[in-house]
Amino acid sequence: MENEKLTEELLSPPRGTRDFLPEEKLLRDALERKLEQAFQRFGFNPIETPAFERFEVLSSKYAGGSEILKETYSFEDQGKRKLGLRYDLTVPMCRVVASNPSLA
């Protein structure tokens, strides 16, 4: 019983995540392509930001309270800088626009 529970836990994706199996993944990809095409028709161009940011950037002036920061996955890189997985695209988009004024 104990081993079954441990095996089930190890085979489950981490909390807050899920797997997308082929049928659902194909549907999601098709929807994503349609959305991208619609955005591009209206003059928007794609950008991509890293999945993680400097933690101090993620945590500075956050209006949603400290609760989300407690739930943010954080780690240190080899240079001992604290990084965190982004929880949405607000912070990365602001950082990109601030560092590339021609995009605004």
Protein backbone atom coordinates (compact mmCIF):
# COMPACT_ATOMS: atom_id res chain seq x y z
CA MET A 1 0.00 0.00 0.00
CA GLU A 2 2.76 2.44 0.97
CA ASN A 3 4.74 1.61 -2.19
CA GLU A 4 1.65 2.05 -4.38
CA LYS A 5 1.03 5.52 -2.93
CA LEU A 6 4.69 6.48 -3.39
CA THR A 7 4.72 5.21 -6.98
CA GLU A 8 1.47 7.07 -7.76
CA GLU A 9 2.90 10.26 -6.28
CA LEU A 10 6.17 9.96 -8.24
CA LEU A 11 4.30 9.38 -11.50
CA SER A 12 1.99 12.37 -11.02
CA PRO A 13 3.00 15.77 -12.42
CA PRO A 14 3.91 18.43 -9.84
CA ARG A 15 1.08 20.31 -8.12
CA GLY A 16 -0.41 23.00 -10.34
CA THR A 17 0.70 21.29 -13.57
CA ARG A 18 -0.75 18.65 -15.84
CA ASP A 19 0.07 16.51 -18.83
CA PHE A 20 -1.55 17.06 -22.22
CA LEU A 21 -1.93 13.80 -24.09
CA PRO A 22 -1.84 13.71 -27.92
CA GLU A 23 -5.52 14.33 -28.70
CA GLU A 24 -5.81 17.33 -26.38
CA LYS A 25 -2.35 18.66 -27.31
CA LEU A 26 -3.23 18.64 -31.01
CA LEU A 27 -6.43 20.59 -30.30
CA ARG A 28 -4.57 23.09 -28.12
CA ASP A 29 -1.89 23.58 -30.79
CA ALA A 30 -4.54 24.19 -33.47
CA LEU A 31 -6.28 26.76 -31.26
CA GLU A 32 -2.96 28.44 -30.51
CA ARG A 33 -2.18 28.72 -34.24
CA LYS A 34 -5.60 30.31 -34.90
CA LEU A 35 -5.06 32.83 -32.10
CA GLU A 36 -1.57 33.68 -33.38
CA GLN A 37 -2.93 34.22 -36.89
CA ALA A 38 -5.69 36.49 -35.56
CA PHE A 39 -3.21 38.56 -33.54
CA GLN A 40 -0.89 38.88 -36.52
CA ARG A 41 -3.77 40.03 -38.76
CA PHE A 42 -4.21 42.94 -36.34
CA GLY A 43 -0.52 43.83 -36.46
CA PHE A 44 0.78 42.06 -33.37
CA ASN A 45 4.08 40.23 -33.62
CA PRO A 46 5.16 37.37 -31.38
CA ILE A 47 7.79 37.59 -28.67
CA GLU A 48 8.95 34.97 -26.19
CA THR A 49 10.34 35.53 -22.72
CA PRO A 50 12.21 33.13 -20.42
CA ALA A 51 10.20 30.90 -18.09
CA PHE A 52 12.09 32.41 -15.15
CA GLU A 53 13.02 35.94 -14.09
CA ARG A 54 15.17 37.53 -11.42
CA PHE A 55 13.21 37.02 -8.21
CA GLU A 56 13.65 40.64 -7.13
CA VAL A 57 11.97 41.72 -10.38
CA LEU A 58 9.08 39.28 -9.82
CA SER A 59 8.62 40.43 -6.24
CA SER A 60 9.06 44.19 -6.64
CA LYS A 61 5.90 46.28 -6.37
CA TYR A 62 3.62 43.27 -6.66
CA ALA A 63 0.08 44.43 -5.89
CA GLY A 64 -1.38 40.96 -5.41
CA GLY A 65 0.09 40.52 -1.95
CA SER A 66 2.88 38.32 -0.72
CA GLU A 67 0.86 35.10 -0.93
CA ILE A 68 1.70 34.47 -4.59
CA LEU A 69 5.41 34.98 -3.86
CA LYS A 70 5.26 32.23 -1.25
CA GLU A 71 3.91 29.92 -3.97
CA THR A 72 6.50 31.02 -6.57
CA TYR A 73 9.13 28.42 -7.35
CA SER A 74 12.54 29.99 -6.79
CA PHE A 75 16.12 28.81 -7.09
CA GLU A 76 19.68 30.12 -7.31
CA ASP A 77 21.76 29.99 -10.46
CA GLN A 78 25.48 29.19 -10.48
CA GLY A 79 26.25 32.84 -9.72
CA LYS A 80 24.08 32.64 -6.56
CA ARG A 81 21.45 34.96 -8.10
CA LYS A 82 17.90 34.21 -6.94
CA LEU A 83 15.55 33.41 -9.82
CA GLY A 84 11.85 32.54 -9.88
CA LEU A 85 9.50 30.87 -12.33
CA ARG A 86 7.16 33.47 -13.77
CA TYR A 87 3.55 33.10 -12.67
CA ASP A 88 2.12 35.08 -15.58
CA LEU A 89 3.39 37.29 -18.40
CA THR A 90 2.87 40.71 -16.81
CA VAL A 91 6.36 41.11 -15.34
CA PRO A 92 8.26 39.74 -18.36
CA MET A 93 6.23 41.87 -20.79
CA CYS A 94 6.86 45.02 -18.75
CA ARG A 95 10.57 44.19 -18.59
CA VAL A 96 10.74 43.62 -22.36
CA VAL A 97 8.91 46.87 -23.18
CA ALA A 98 11.02 48.84 -20.67
CA SER A 99 14.24 47.52 -22.19
CA ASN A 100 13.00 47.90 -25.80
CA PRO A 101 11.17 51.26 -26.02
CA SER A 102 10.60 50.82 -29.76
CA LEU A 103 8.04 48.10 -28.94
CA ALA A 104 5.78 50.47 -27.00
